[in-house]
Amino acid sequence: MLRAALASVTLLLVDAWAALAQDTKPAPPIPESKPPTASPPVQDVSLSWLWFVLAAVLLVAAIYFVMQRRRPPTRR
């Protein structure tokens, strides 16, 4: 069993090494139409990820408070 696990891990690492060592094409050059430090205009900034994070935090907080209310009181 241990030999099979060792062989499979070795094969996985060799395949991962071969996949990472493949020749890739370089990225195309970035056009110099804007200075490199220019920020995008306000209307181009997407804040949908912020709403997702806020909803996830509120959901986790709600689950935590519900579970705290359902927990039996501790004995002292």
C-alpha atoms as a PDB file:
ATOM      1  CA  MET A   1       0.000   0.000   0.000  1.00  0.00           C
ATOM      2  CA  LEU A   2       2.800   2.389   0.908  1.00  0.00           C
ATOM      3  CA  ARG A   3       4.711   1.564  -2.277  1.00  0.00           C
ATOM      4  CA  ALA A   4       1.642   2.326  -4.391  1.00  0.00           C
ATOM      5  CA  ALA A   5       1.157   5.655  -2.616  1.00  0.00           C
ATOM      6  CA  LEU A   6       4.825   6.521  -3.028  1.00  0.00           C
ATOM      7  CA  ALA A   7       4.756   5.584  -6.717  1.00  0.00           C
ATOM      8  CA  SER A   8       1.597   7.622  -7.351  1.00  0.00           C
ATOM      9  CA  VAL A   9       2.995  10.688  -5.566  1.00  0.00           C
ATOM     10  CA  THR A  10       6.250  10.381  -7.501  1.00  0.00           C
ATOM     11  CA  LEU A  11       4.355  10.076 -10.787  1.00  0.00           C
ATOM     12  CA  LEU A  12       2.202  13.078  -9.859  1.00  0.00           C
ATOM     13  CA  LEU A  13       5.267  15.203  -9.105  1.00  0.00           C
ATOM     14  CA  VAL A  14       7.004  14.156 -12.330  1.00  0.00           C
ATOM     15  CA  ASP A  15       3.896  14.990 -14.371  1.00  0.00           C
ATOM     16  CA  ALA A  16       3.508  18.327 -12.591  1.00  0.00           C
ATOM     17  CA  TRP A  17       7.181  19.132 -13.277  1.00  0.00           C
ATOM     18  CA  ALA A  18       6.734  18.282 -16.964  1.00  0.00           C
ATOM     19  CA  ALA A  19       3.585  20.396 -17.199  1.00  0.00           C
ATOM     20  CA  LEU A  20       5.268  23.382 -15.565  1.00  0.00           C
ATOM     21  CA  ALA A  21       8.391  23.024 -17.701  1.00  0.00           C
ATOM     22  CA  GLN A  22       6.512  23.340 -21.009  1.00  0.00           C
ATOM     23  CA  ASP A  23       7.526  26.197 -23.234  1.00  0.00           C
ATOM     24  CA  THR A  24       5.041  29.074 -23.053  1.00  0.00           C
ATOM     25  CA  LYS A  25       4.636  32.055 -25.314  1.00  0.00           C
ATOM     26  CA  PRO A  26       5.610  35.403 -23.811  1.00  0.00           C
ATOM     27  CA  ALA A  27       2.863  37.894 -23.122  1.00  0.00           C
ATOM     28  CA  PRO A  28       2.270  40.549 -25.754  1.00  0.00           C
ATOM     29  CA  PRO A  29       3.771  43.958 -24.984  1.00  0.00           C
ATOM     30  CA  ILE A  30       1.593  46.437 -23.134  1.00  0.00           C
ATOM     31  CA  PRO A  31       0.713  49.490 -25.214  1.00  0.00           C
ATOM     32  CA  GLU A  32       2.050  52.694 -23.736  1.00  0.00           C
ATOM     33  CA  SER A  33      -1.113  54.718 -24.225  1.00  0.00           C
ATOM     34  CA  LYS A  34      -1.352  55.553 -20.505  1.00  0.00           C
ATOM     35  CA  PRO A  35       1.280  56.166 -17.894  1.00  0.00           C
ATOM     36  CA  PRO A  36       1.989  53.000 -15.892  1.00  0.00           C
ATOM     37  CA  THR A  37       0.682  54.562 -12.673  1.00  0.00           C
ATOM     38  CA  ALA A  38      -2.646  55.733 -14.108  1.00  0.00           C
ATOM     39  CA  SER A  39      -5.723  54.493 -12.250  1.00  0.00           C
ATOM     40  CA  PRO A  40      -8.832  53.394 -14.158  1.00  0.00           C
ATOM     41  CA  PRO A  41     -11.704  55.871 -14.282  1.00  0.00           C
ATOM     42  CA  VAL A  42     -14.240  55.549 -11.485  1.00  0.00           C
ATOM     43  CA  GLN A  43     -16.959  54.208 -13.791  1.00  0.00           C
ATOM     44  CA  ASP A  44     -14.643  51.361 -14.895  1.00  0.00           C
ATOM     45  CA  VAL A  45     -14.010  50.068 -11.352  1.00  0.00           C
ATOM     46  CA  SER A  46     -16.180  47.055 -10.504  1.00  0.00           C
ATOM     47  CA  LEU A  47     -17.172  46.688  -6.871  1.00  0.00           C
ATOM     48  CA  SER A  48     -19.269  43.536  -7.285  1.00  0.00           C
ATOM     49  CA  TRP A  49     -16.638  41.556  -5.385  1.00  0.00           C
ATOM     50  CA  LEU A  50     -17.134  43.889  -2.415  1.00  0.00           C
ATOM     51  CA  TRP A  51     -20.856  43.127  -2.263  1.00  0.00           C
ATOM     52  CA  PHE A  52     -20.102  39.419  -2.438  1.00  0.00           C
ATOM     53  CA  VAL A  53     -17.631  39.643   0.462  1.00  0.00           C
ATOM     54  CA  LEU A  54     -20.068  41.724   2.516  1.00  0.00           C
ATOM     55  CA  ALA A  55     -22.872  39.208   1.930  1.00  0.00           C
ATOM     56  CA  ALA A  56     -20.566  36.312   2.868  1.00  0.00           C
ATOM     57  CA  VAL A  57     -19.511  38.044   6.112  1.00  0.00           C
ATOM     58  CA  LEU A  58     -23.121  38.751   7.055  1.00  0.00           C
ATOM     59  CA  LEU A  59     -24.104  35.146   6.307  1.00  0.00           C
ATOM     60  CA  VAL A  60     -21.286  33.766   8.456  1.00  0.00           C
ATOM     61  CA  ALA A  61     -22.169  36.163  11.293  1.00  0.00           C
ATOM     62  CA  ALA A  62     -25.843  35.154  11.129  1.00  0.00           C
ATOM     63  CA  ILE A  63     -24.968  31.445  11.225  1.00  0.00           C
ATOM     64  CA  TYR A  64     -22.631  32.067  14.184  1.00  0.00           C
ATOM     65  CA  PHE A  65     -25.277  33.918  16.197  1.00  0.00           C
ATOM     66  CA  VAL A  66     -27.938  31.284  15.453  1.00  0.00           C
ATOM     67  CA  MET A  67     -25.574  28.517  16.546  1.00  0.00           C
ATOM     68  CA  GLN A  68     -24.707  30.436  19.731  1.00  0.00           C
ATOM     69  CA  ARG A  69     -28.385  30.734  20.643  1.00  0.00           C
ATOM     70  CA  ARG A  70     -28.950  27.020  20.056  1.00  0.00           C
ATOM     71  CA  ARG A  71     -25.984  25.988  22.226  1.00  0.00           C
ATOM     72  CA  PRO A  72     -26.993  24.745  25.673  1.00  0.00           C
ATOM     73  CA  PRO A  73     -25.878  26.888  28.612  1.00  0.00           C
ATOM     74  CA  THR A  74     -22.614  25.933  30.263  1.00  0.00           C
ATOM     75  CA  ARG A  75     -22.533  24.563  33.801  1.00  0.00           C
ATOM     76  CA  ARG A  76     -20.348  26.256  36.380  1.00  0.00           C
END
